[in-house]
Protein backbone atom coordinates (compact mmCIF):
# COMPACT_ATOMS: atom_id res chain seq x y z
CA MET A 1 8.60 -59.88 -21.19
CA LEU A 2 10.24 -57.59 -24.10
CA SER A 3 14.33 -58.10 -24.49
CA PRO A 4 16.28 -54.96 -24.31
CA LYS A 5 16.58 -55.47 -28.32
CA GLN A 6 12.40 -54.84 -28.65
CA GLN A 7 13.07 -51.42 -26.42
CA THR A 8 14.30 -48.14 -26.84
CA LEU A 9 14.33 -44.95 -24.95
CA VAL A 10 12.16 -42.00 -25.87
CA PRO A 11 14.34 -39.16 -27.49
CA ASP A 12 13.85 -35.77 -26.21
CA LEU A 13 12.28 -34.03 -28.90
CA ARG A 14 11.52 -30.20 -27.35
CA GLY A 15 12.94 -27.53 -29.45
CA LYS A 16 12.76 -29.67 -32.50
CA THR A 17 10.66 -29.02 -35.79
CA LYS A 18 7.96 -31.59 -36.72
CA GLN A 19 10.44 -33.13 -39.52
CA GLU A 20 13.22 -33.16 -36.99
CA ALA A 21 10.74 -35.03 -34.52
CA LEU A 22 9.70 -37.26 -36.75
CA ALA A 23 13.26 -37.98 -37.71
CA LEU A 24 14.43 -38.67 -34.32
CA LEU A 25 11.38 -40.91 -33.72
CA LYS A 26 11.65 -42.98 -36.82
CA GLN A 27 15.29 -43.45 -35.89
CA ALA A 28 14.53 -44.67 -32.38
CA HIS A 29 12.14 -47.03 -33.87
CA LEU A 30 8.73 -45.29 -32.61
CA ARG A 31 5.83 -43.43 -34.44
CA VAL A 32 3.93 -40.06 -33.73
CA GLY A 33 0.93 -40.47 -31.87
CA ALA A 34 -1.83 -37.68 -31.38
CA LEU A 35 -0.61 -34.37 -32.70
CA ALA A 36 -1.74 -30.86 -31.06
CA GLU A 37 -1.12 -26.94 -30.42
CA GLY A 38 -0.39 -24.90 -27.91
CA SER A 39 0.69 -21.57 -26.49
CA SER A 40 4.66 -21.61 -25.54
CA THR A 41 7.74 -19.28 -25.48
CA LEU A 42 9.06 -21.62 -28.07
CA ALA A 43 9.09 -20.05 -31.60
CA LYS A 44 5.80 -21.33 -33.74
CA GLY A 45 6.07 -24.98 -34.97
CA LEU A 46 8.51 -26.15 -32.36
CA VAL A 47 7.69 -29.08 -30.09
CA CYS A 48 6.62 -28.03 -26.62
CA GLU A 49 5.64 -30.93 -24.72
CA GLN A 50 6.00 -34.82 -25.60
CA VAL A 51 4.16 -37.72 -23.68
CA PRO A 52 6.11 -39.96 -23.16
CA ALA A 53 8.89 -37.78 -21.61
CA ALA A 54 12.41 -37.93 -23.30
CA GLY A 55 14.37 -41.15 -21.40
CA VAL A 56 11.29 -43.17 -20.83
CA ARG A 57 11.92 -46.86 -22.13
CA VAL A 58 8.99 -47.74 -24.14
CA PRO A 59 8.68 -50.58 -26.34
CA TRP A 60 9.36 -50.55 -30.26
CA ASN A 61 6.59 -48.81 -32.49
CA ALA A 62 4.76 -47.25 -29.22
CA PRO A 63 3.72 -43.64 -29.97
CA VAL A 64 4.62 -40.45 -29.06
CA ASP A 65 2.42 -37.37 -28.68
CA LEU A 66 3.40 -34.24 -29.61
CA ARG A 67 2.00 -30.91 -28.67
CA LEU A 68 3.66 -28.27 -31.13
CA SER A 69 4.23 -24.54 -30.14
CA ARG A 70 1.70 -21.92 -31.63
CA GLY A 71 4.50 -19.35 -30.75
CA PRO A 72 4.65 -16.54 -27.48
CA SER A 73 0.81 -15.46 -26.83
CA ASP A 74 -1.01 -13.78 -24.32
CA ASP A 75 -4.02 -16.22 -25.26
CA PRO A 76 -4.51 -17.45 -21.73
CA GLY A 77 -6.39 -20.48 -23.70
CA VAL A 78 -10.11 -21.78 -25.21
CA LEU A 79 -13.34 -21.86 -23.30
CA LYS A 80 -16.40 -23.47 -24.98
CA ASN A 81 -19.57 -24.27 -23.96
CA GLY A 82 -21.37 -27.16 -24.50
CA LYS A 83 -24.31 -29.34 -23.73
CA GLU A 84 -22.52 -29.91 -20.37
CA GLY A 85 -21.59 -26.86 -19.70
CA ALA A 86 -18.28 -25.08 -19.86
CA SER A 87 -14.68 -26.75 -20.94
CA TYR A 88 -10.99 -25.42 -21.39
CA SER A 89 -8.41 -26.44 -23.80
CA PRO A 90 -5.26 -25.44 -21.53
CA PRO A 91 -2.05 -24.85 -23.52
CA ALA A 92 0.86 -26.47 -22.90
CA ARG A 93 3.07 -26.90 -19.42
CA GLY A 94 6.77 -25.19 -19.84
CA LYS A 95 9.67 -23.82 -17.74
CA SER A 96 9.03 -21.05 -15.42
CA VAL A 97 10.89 -18.26 -14.91
CA ILE A 98 11.33 -15.31 -12.68
CA ARG A 99 11.18 -11.58 -14.31
CA LEU A 100 10.56 -8.88 -11.91
CA PRO A 101 9.39 -5.22 -13.37
CA ARG A 102 11.23 -2.10 -12.67
CA GLN A 103 9.73 0.97 -11.91
CA VAL A 104 10.81 4.05 -14.18
CA GLU A 105 12.12 6.92 -12.18
CA ASN A 106 9.63 10.04 -11.99
CA PRO A 107 7.10 8.64 -14.43
CA PRO A 108 5.44 10.96 -16.60
CA THR A 109 1.86 11.94 -15.89
CA SER A 110 0.44 11.80 -19.24
CA PHE A 111 1.29 8.02 -20.34
CA LEU A 112 -2.28 6.74 -20.07
CA LYS A 113 -4.11 5.62 -23.03
CA GLY A 114 -7.68 4.62 -22.89
CA GLY A 115 -11.40 6.33 -22.14
CA THR A 116 -11.82 9.86 -23.30
CA LYS A 117 -10.02 11.42 -20.59
CA ILE A 118 -7.71 10.64 -18.13
CA THR A 119 -6.16 12.84 -15.00
CA LEU A 120 -4.08 12.74 -12.23
CA VAL A 121 -6.23 13.22 -8.91
CA ALA A 122 -3.30 12.98 -6.51
CA GLU A 123 0.28 11.39 -6.02
CA GLY A 124 3.15 11.22 -3.98
CA LEU A 125 1.17 8.43 -2.06
CA GLU A 126 3.24 5.35 -0.21
CA ASN A 127 1.81 2.21 -2.22
CA PRO A 128 -2.16 3.21 -2.35
CA ARG A 129 -3.73 -0.39 -2.97
CA TRP A 130 -7.18 -0.16 -2.86
CA LEU A 131 -9.82 2.92 -2.33
CA THR A 132 -13.43 3.72 -1.70
CA VAL A 133 -15.40 6.90 -2.18
CA ALA A 134 -17.61 8.14 0.93
CA GLU A 135 -21.08 10.19 0.00
CA ASN A 136 -19.83 13.83 0.18
CA GLY A 137 -16.77 12.96 -2.35
CA ASP A 138 -14.21 12.14 0.22
CA ILE A 139 -11.41 9.47 -1.61
CA PHE A 140 -10.53 6.78 1.06
CA VAL A 141 -7.33 5.51 0.08
CA VAL A 142 -5.66 2.08 1.81
CA GLU A 143 -1.79 2.45 1.64
CA SER A 144 -0.56 -0.90 2.60
CA ARG A 145 2.14 -3.26 1.17
CA LEU A 146 4.41 -6.54 2.45
CA GLU A 147 7.61 -6.63 1.26
CA ILE A 148 10.00 -9.68 1.18
CA LYS A 149 12.50 -7.92 3.15
CA LYS A 150 11.27 -6.06 6.57
CA GLN A 151 10.79 -2.61 5.83
CA LYS A 152 8.54 0.12 7.31
CA GLN A 153 5.20 -0.15 6.36
CA PRO A 154 2.99 2.43 5.60
CA ASN A 155 -0.66 0.63 6.87
CA ARG A 156 -2.78 3.29 7.01
CA VAL A 157 -6.26 4.52 5.53
CA THR A 158 -5.62 8.19 4.17
CA VAL A 159 -8.27 10.93 2.87
CA LEU A 160 -8.50 13.18 -0.20
CA ARG A 161 -10.31 16.12 -0.62
CA ASP A 162 -11.08 17.86 -3.74
CA THR A 163 -12.06 21.30 -1.84
CA ASP A 164 -12.32 23.25 -5.09
CA GLY A 165 -13.96 20.77 -7.45
CA ASP A 166 -11.16 21.03 -9.84
CA GLY A 167 -10.81 17.13 -10.09
CA LYS A 168 -7.69 17.00 -7.94
CA ALA A 169 -7.37 16.04 -4.37
CA ASP A 170 -5.66 19.33 -2.85
CA GLN A 171 -6.12 18.09 1.12
CA ARG A 172 -5.13 15.00 2.44
CA SER A 173 -5.93 13.45 6.45
CA VAL A 174 -4.70 10.36 7.90
CA TRP A 175 -8.20 8.58 9.07
CA ALA A 176 -6.14 6.09 11.06
CA ASP A 177 -2.88 4.72 11.11
CA ASN A 178 -1.20 1.74 12.86
CA LEU A 179 -2.92 -0.94 11.14
CA TYR A 180 -1.77 -4.79 10.39
CA LEU A 181 -1.65 -4.79 6.80
CA PRO A 182 -4.87 -3.15 5.81
CA PHE A 183 -6.60 -3.73 2.44
CA GLY A 184 -10.23 -4.08 1.67
CA ILE A 185 -12.31 -0.54 2.62
CA ALA A 186 -16.03 -0.18 2.66
CA PHE A 187 -19.15 2.00 4.06
CA HIS A 188 -21.82 0.19 5.13
CA ARG A 189 -24.46 1.61 7.65
CA GLY A 190 -22.90 4.22 9.03
CA PHE A 191 -19.56 2.77 9.42
CA LEU A 192 -16.32 2.64 7.92
CA TYR A 193 -14.80 -0.96 7.61
CA VAL A 194 -11.06 -2.23 6.96
CA ALA A 195 -9.93 -5.36 6.48
CA ASN A 196 -6.51 -6.33 8.25
CA THR A 197 -4.81 -9.12 7.21
CA GLY A 198 -6.08 -11.08 9.96
CA SER A 199 -9.01 -9.11 11.04
CA VAL A 200 -11.85 -6.53 9.90
CA VAL A 201 -12.43 -3.63 12.39
CA ARG A 202 -14.63 -0.53 12.14
CA TRP A 203 -15.48 3.33 13.30
CA PRO A 204 -18.38 5.34 13.35
CA TYR A 205 -17.98 7.73 10.20
CA LYS A 206 -20.20 10.84 9.68
CA PRO A 207 -20.10 12.36 6.65
CA GLY A 208 -17.21 14.95 6.22
CA ALA A 209 -14.89 13.45 8.74
CA LEU A 210 -11.00 13.55 8.05
CA VAL A 211 -10.23 11.42 11.08
CA ALA A 212 -11.09 8.62 12.88
CA PRO A 213 -13.37 9.74 15.98
CA GLN A 214 -12.17 6.90 17.99
CA PRO A 215 -9.80 3.58 18.21
CA ALA A 216 -11.02 0.78 15.85
CA GLU A 217 -13.58 -1.46 16.57
CA THR A 218 -12.71 -5.26 16.05
CA VAL A 219 -15.34 -6.72 14.41
CA ILE A 220 -14.18 -10.26 13.24
CA SER A 221 -11.04 -12.18 14.46
CA ASP A 222 -11.24 -15.57 13.06
CA ILE A 223 -9.28 -15.13 9.62
CA PRO A 224 -6.02 -16.52 9.37
CA GLU A 225 -3.21 -13.73 8.53
CA THR A 226 -0.43 -13.43 5.95
CA GLY A 227 -0.30 -16.14 2.97
CA MET A 228 2.13 -16.38 0.35
CA ARG A 229 3.79 -13.31 -1.21
CA GLN A 230 0.90 -11.11 -1.36
CA HIS A 231 -1.35 -13.46 -0.62
CA TRP A 232 -2.03 -11.38 2.66
CA THR A 233 -4.81 -9.28 1.25
CA ARG A 234 -8.46 -9.45 2.87
CA ASN A 235 -10.55 -7.61 1.06
CA LEU A 236 -14.39 -7.40 1.90
CA ALA A 237 -17.99 -6.52 0.47
CA PHE A 238 -21.18 -6.33 1.73
CA SER A 239 -24.15 -8.13 -0.20
CA PRO A 240 -26.82 -5.59 -1.48
CA ASP A 241 -29.63 -6.77 0.81
CA GLY A 242 -27.43 -5.70 3.18
CA LYS A 243 -27.36 -9.24 5.11
CA TRP A 244 -23.97 -10.68 4.51
CA LEU A 245 -19.96 -9.50 4.55
CA TYR A 246 -18.06 -11.39 2.29
CA VAL A 247 -14.15 -11.60 3.19
CA THR A 248 -11.42 -12.68 0.71
CA ILE A 249 -8.64 -15.02 2.32
CA GLY A 250 -5.63 -16.51 -0.05
CA SER A 251 -3.48 -19.68 0.36
CA LYS A 252 -0.82 -19.71 2.20
CA GLU A 253 1.63 -21.51 -0.27
CA ASN A 254 1.55 -21.23 -4.09
CA ALA A 255 0.35 -25.03 -4.73
CA ASP A 256 -0.18 -27.36 -1.47
CA ILE A 257 -2.67 -29.02 0.52
CA GLU A 258 -4.03 -26.62 3.57
CA GLU A 259 -7.11 -26.64 6.04
CA SER A 260 -9.94 -24.38 5.31
CA PRO A 261 -10.88 -21.18 5.45
CA ARG A 262 -7.25 -20.89 3.24
CA ALA A 263 -7.88 -20.59 -0.25
CA SER A 264 -11.55 -19.60 -0.11
CA ILE A 265 -14.35 -16.68 -0.03
CA VAL A 266 -16.33 -16.80 3.65
CA ARG A 267 -19.15 -14.71 4.81
CA TYR A 268 -20.75 -13.49 7.76
CA ALA A 269 -24.25 -12.62 8.94
CA LEU A 270 -24.93 -9.43 9.68
CA ASP A 271 -27.14 -7.96 12.95
CA PRO A 272 -29.51 -5.13 12.25
CA THR A 273 -26.78 -2.58 12.66
CA GLY A 274 -24.69 -3.82 10.19
CA LYS A 275 -21.83 -5.85 12.29
CA PRO A 276 -21.09 -9.39 11.93
CA ILE A 277 -22.39 -12.45 14.06
CA GLY A 278 -21.50 -15.64 14.93
CA LYS A 279 -18.29 -17.75 12.89
CA LEU A 280 -17.27 -17.61 9.51
CA ALA A 281 -18.96 -19.79 6.95
CA VAL A 282 -17.05 -20.48 3.98
CA PHE A 283 -19.05 -19.44 1.12
CA ALA A 284 -16.98 -20.83 -1.94
CA SER A 285 -13.55 -22.61 -1.99
CA GLY A 286 -10.44 -23.51 -4.03
CA LEU A 287 -9.68 -20.10 -4.80
CA ARG A 288 -5.88 -19.88 -4.77
CA ASN A 289 -6.26 -15.95 -4.15
CA PRO A 290 -9.21 -14.26 -4.73
CA ILE A 291 -9.10 -10.73 -4.43
CA GLY A 292 -11.68 -8.02 -6.32
CA MET A 293 -14.94 -8.52 -5.03
CA ALA A 294 -18.15 -7.13 -6.78
CA PHE A 295 -22.07 -7.78 -7.17
CA HIS A 296 -23.31 -7.89 -10.48
CA PRO A 297 -26.07 -4.95 -10.74
CA LYS A 298 -28.53 -6.94 -12.76
CA THR A 299 -28.65 -10.41 -10.88
CA GLY A 300 -26.77 -9.58 -7.47
CA ALA A 301 -24.57 -12.64 -7.90
CA LEU A 302 -21.21 -12.29 -6.20
CA TRP A 303 -18.04 -12.52 -8.70
CA ALA A 304 -14.26 -12.27 -7.89
CA VAL A 305 -11.37 -12.43 -9.52
CA VAL A 306 -8.92 -14.63 -8.55
CA SER A 307 -5.18 -15.29 -9.34
CA GLU A 308 -3.80 -18.69 -10.06
CA ARG A 309 -1.00 -20.91 -9.71
CA ASP A 310 2.62 -20.44 -10.52
CA TYR A 311 5.61 -22.68 -11.67
CA LEU A 312 4.19 -24.22 -14.60
CA GLY A 313 5.33 -22.57 -17.30
CA ASP A 314 4.27 -18.81 -18.91
CA GLU A 315 1.28 -19.76 -19.83
CA LEU A 316 -0.66 -22.31 -16.91
CA VAL A 317 -2.45 -21.25 -15.16
CA PRO A 318 -4.67 -17.94 -16.87
CA ASP A 319 -6.14 -15.99 -13.92
CA PHE A 320 -9.48 -15.50 -14.18
CA LEU A 321 -12.74 -13.53 -13.58
CA THR A 322 -15.97 -15.67 -12.54
CA GLU A 323 -19.53 -15.46 -10.91
CA ILE A 324 -18.96 -17.39 -7.39
CA LYS A 325 -21.08 -20.18 -6.64
CA GLU A 326 -22.32 -20.76 -3.26
CA ASN A 327 -20.47 -24.33 -1.81
CA GLY A 328 -18.38 -24.11 -5.43
CA PHE A 329 -15.11 -25.43 -5.59
CA TYR A 330 -12.65 -24.17 -8.13
CA GLY A 331 -9.83 -26.81 -8.15
CA TRP A 332 -7.13 -25.28 -5.90
CA PRO A 333 -4.54 -27.14 -5.34
CA TYR A 334 -5.39 -30.20 -7.04
CA TYR A 335 -6.95 -29.23 -9.98
CA TYR A 336 -7.44 -25.73 -12.38
CA LEU A 337 -10.30 -24.62 -14.66
CA GLY A 338 -11.73 -27.79 -14.87
CA PRO A 339 -10.70 -31.84 -14.13
CA HIS A 340 -6.82 -30.47 -15.45
CA HIS A 341 -4.62 -32.34 -12.90
CA ASP A 342 -1.89 -30.14 -11.24
CA PRO A 343 1.02 -32.80 -11.19
CA ARG A 344 2.25 -31.48 -8.21
CA LEU A 345 -0.84 -32.63 -6.40
CA PRO A 346 -2.38 -36.22 -5.38
CA GLU A 347 -5.33 -37.44 -7.69
CA ARG A 348 -8.49 -36.47 -6.21
CA PRO A 349 -11.73 -38.06 -7.98
CA ASP A 350 -14.36 -36.62 -5.52
CA LEU A 351 -13.26 -32.87 -6.28
CA LYS A 352 -12.05 -33.41 -9.83
CA LYS A 353 -15.99 -33.66 -10.64
CA LYS A 354 -17.01 -30.75 -8.34
CA THR A 355 -14.29 -28.20 -10.16
CA LEU A 356 -15.91 -25.26 -12.09
CA VAL A 357 -14.41 -23.57 -14.90
CA PRO A 358 -14.52 -20.10 -14.56
CA ASP A 359 -16.32 -17.96 -16.89
CA VAL A 360 -13.18 -15.62 -18.05
CA LEU A 361 -10.05 -15.95 -18.54
CA PHE A 362 -6.54 -13.37 -18.61
CA PRO A 363 -3.02 -14.31 -19.26
CA ALA A 364 -1.21 -16.15 -17.14
CA HIS A 365 0.59 -14.56 -14.12
CA SER A 366 -1.76 -11.13 -15.17
CA ALA A 367 -2.04 -10.66 -11.28
CA PRO A 368 -5.84 -9.25 -11.23
CA LEU A 369 -6.87 -7.07 -8.46
CA GLY A 370 -9.50 -4.54 -8.54
CA LEU A 371 -12.88 -5.41 -9.86
CA VAL A 372 -15.90 -3.05 -10.47
CA PHE A 373 -19.03 -3.14 -12.71
CA ASP A 374 -20.84 -0.51 -13.99
CA ARG A 375 -25.02 -0.10 -14.51
CA ALA A 376 -24.82 -2.16 -17.45
CA GLY A 377 -23.26 -4.87 -16.18
CA ASN A 378 -19.82 -4.58 -18.11
CA ALA A 379 -17.11 -5.56 -15.85
CA TYR A 380 -13.71 -3.98 -15.58
CA VAL A 381 -10.78 -5.34 -14.32
CA ALA A 382 -7.18 -4.33 -12.85
CA LEU A 383 -4.34 -6.49 -13.99
CA HIS A 384 -1.42 -5.82 -11.60
CA GLY A 385 1.19 -7.42 -13.82
CA SER A 386 3.35 -10.55 -14.12
CA GLN A 387 6.33 -11.04 -12.43
CA ASN A 388 7.19 -14.73 -13.43
CA ARG A 389 6.71 -14.87 -17.29
CA SER A 390 8.76 -14.44 -19.92
CA ARG A 391 7.14 -11.88 -21.82
CA PHE A 392 5.57 -9.40 -19.69
CA THR A 393 1.62 -9.19 -19.42
CA GLY A 394 -0.86 -7.00 -17.62
CA TYR A 395 -0.09 -3.97 -16.06
CA LYS A 396 -3.74 -2.55 -17.43
CA ILE A 397 -7.13 -1.95 -17.34
CA VAL A 398 -9.49 -4.55 -19.16
CA LYS A 399 -12.94 -4.47 -19.73
CA ILE A 400 -15.58 -7.52 -20.32
CA PRO A 401 -18.50 -6.38 -22.02
CA ALA A 402 -22.07 -7.83 -20.47
CA GLY A 403 -22.48 -11.37 -21.81
CA ARG A 404 -19.00 -11.60 -23.78
CA LYS A 405 -16.20 -13.53 -22.82
CA LYS A 406 -13.10 -11.85 -23.76
CA PRO A 407 -11.53 -9.08 -22.43
CA GLN A 408 -10.76 -6.04 -24.14
CA ASP A 409 -7.97 -3.08 -23.50
CA PHE A 410 -9.84 -0.08 -21.33
CA VAL A 411 -6.50 1.57 -19.89
CA THR A 412 -3.09 0.97 -20.98
CA GLY A 413 0.36 2.49 -20.80
CA TRP A 414 1.79 1.23 -17.21
CA LEU A 415 3.70 -1.38 -19.52
CA VAL A 416 6.37 0.63 -21.79
CA ASP A 417 7.21 -3.05 -23.63
CA PRO A 418 6.23 -6.32 -23.20
CA ASN A 419 9.90 -7.67 -23.91
CA HIS A 420 11.55 -5.09 -21.10
CA ASN A 421 11.21 -4.84 -17.56
CA ALA A 422 10.57 -1.28 -17.05
CA VAL A 423 6.91 -0.09 -15.80
CA ASN A 424 5.55 3.22 -15.27
CA GLY A 425 3.22 1.81 -12.28
CA ARG A 426 0.58 -0.73 -11.67
CA PRO A 427 -2.97 -0.83 -11.29
CA ALA A 428 -4.37 -1.84 -8.10
CA GLY A 429 -7.63 -0.83 -7.00
CA LEU A 430 -10.43 0.29 -8.92
CA ALA A 431 -13.88 2.18 -7.25
CA TRP A 432 -16.75 4.69 -9.10
CA ASP A 433 -16.95 8.01 -7.87
CA ARG A 434 -19.90 9.96 -7.57
CA ASP A 435 -19.69 11.49 -11.09
CA GLY A 436 -19.32 7.91 -12.82
CA SER A 437 -15.68 8.25 -13.48
CA LEU A 438 -13.40 5.34 -12.74
CA LEU A 439 -10.66 6.01 -9.81
CA ILE A 440 -7.54 3.62 -9.99
CA ALA A 441 -5.20 3.59 -7.53
CA ASP A 442 -1.24 2.95 -8.62
CA ASP A 443 0.47 1.03 -6.00
CA TRP A 444 3.76 1.52 -7.47
CA ALA A 445 3.80 5.26 -8.74
CA GLY A 446 2.15 6.45 -5.74
CA ARG A 447 -0.98 7.64 -7.53
CA ILE A 448 -4.72 8.04 -8.21
CA TRP A 449 -5.98 8.00 -11.55
CA ARG A 450 -9.30 9.38 -12.90
CA VAL A 451 -10.97 7.77 -16.35
CA THR A 452 -14.01 10.15 -17.79
CA GLY A 453 -15.71 7.83 -20.47
CA LYS A 454 -16.54 4.12 -21.06
């Protein structure tokens, strides 16, 4: 056994330059081990992570691994494709912060940038989160929001109509209200479907109808309600062949062991009329909070965007867009983006081997919501924006060209300055209009936008 004289305490090297860290290691009779770089809120070149941690007693001449900061960045990390599939090189863990955005009062109507033309379709809505377009061009908007403090919630579906063809909604009607935290909405085989937080309901629909013809029929009632903060959202999507209805279910906690079907995408078989039959079946799991779903126009595969876990620092864990594999496991809560272990959870070697690496990464805490594909296979994602990151990120629409992995800015302007909390709104749901223009629901500003041109 080593005597106390042959052991030493590892010094705290975080925030030191490389030269300062080497000097401190030498004073402590230690040596530098592996050197690496990673994104961090610390200035470039400073030590942002060390192993072993400060205060640990180790033998003389033991190695201490250092990770040097590349500086604050919106780079979510590096995805690499090798012979054994995709792998991910993560940034360093760090200190977490809560930094809430502040809605600008009376935001202008000409601040957005992107596309070829951006126009305002409607305003004065109450938290428009999701939307879809009827065959006659009416826009059906879900107005819904869950606050930490109990307030009166809209909990309704509103119909917007453009009667004079100028591109702006000049007529609106409440289709249905008194819903329970509605979110996902879709037309299918003569019915309008809406996903509440704990159920799916439907009404018969005839083109041109502005008000629900009868009380809602509950067709699904076996999904868990609410969840952590905004994890109450239940989105829905019908498969192109009309055989399945897919529903998203978020986790109840940020990072904890939970029973199925939490943190998953489930599906239901449909009868010839399109009505769900039987019990839910988990299609894919380990998805902390899947929200936007869409089927790829070329392959027919289901894709989804997922908000990953919090409180591992500004740069972890990146949110993502990925193809959803049947029976696929995506890591939550034990692992993320492949075999990277969440230190707050026990190891699960059996699940570590199964954890899939997603296709496209977004900066951590971007909060992706809406997802659509165009006919060419380009993806468009609404990044609702960060609330727990030192430097704000998101608050924009990004485009992922077909076959690419790197998102490109498509519509920006909601975020005034990434170093300050003022925002002009927050993009949420996306939908294609009949003319091929992109509709955007801005839930914080209560607006619907139209983008023409890609």
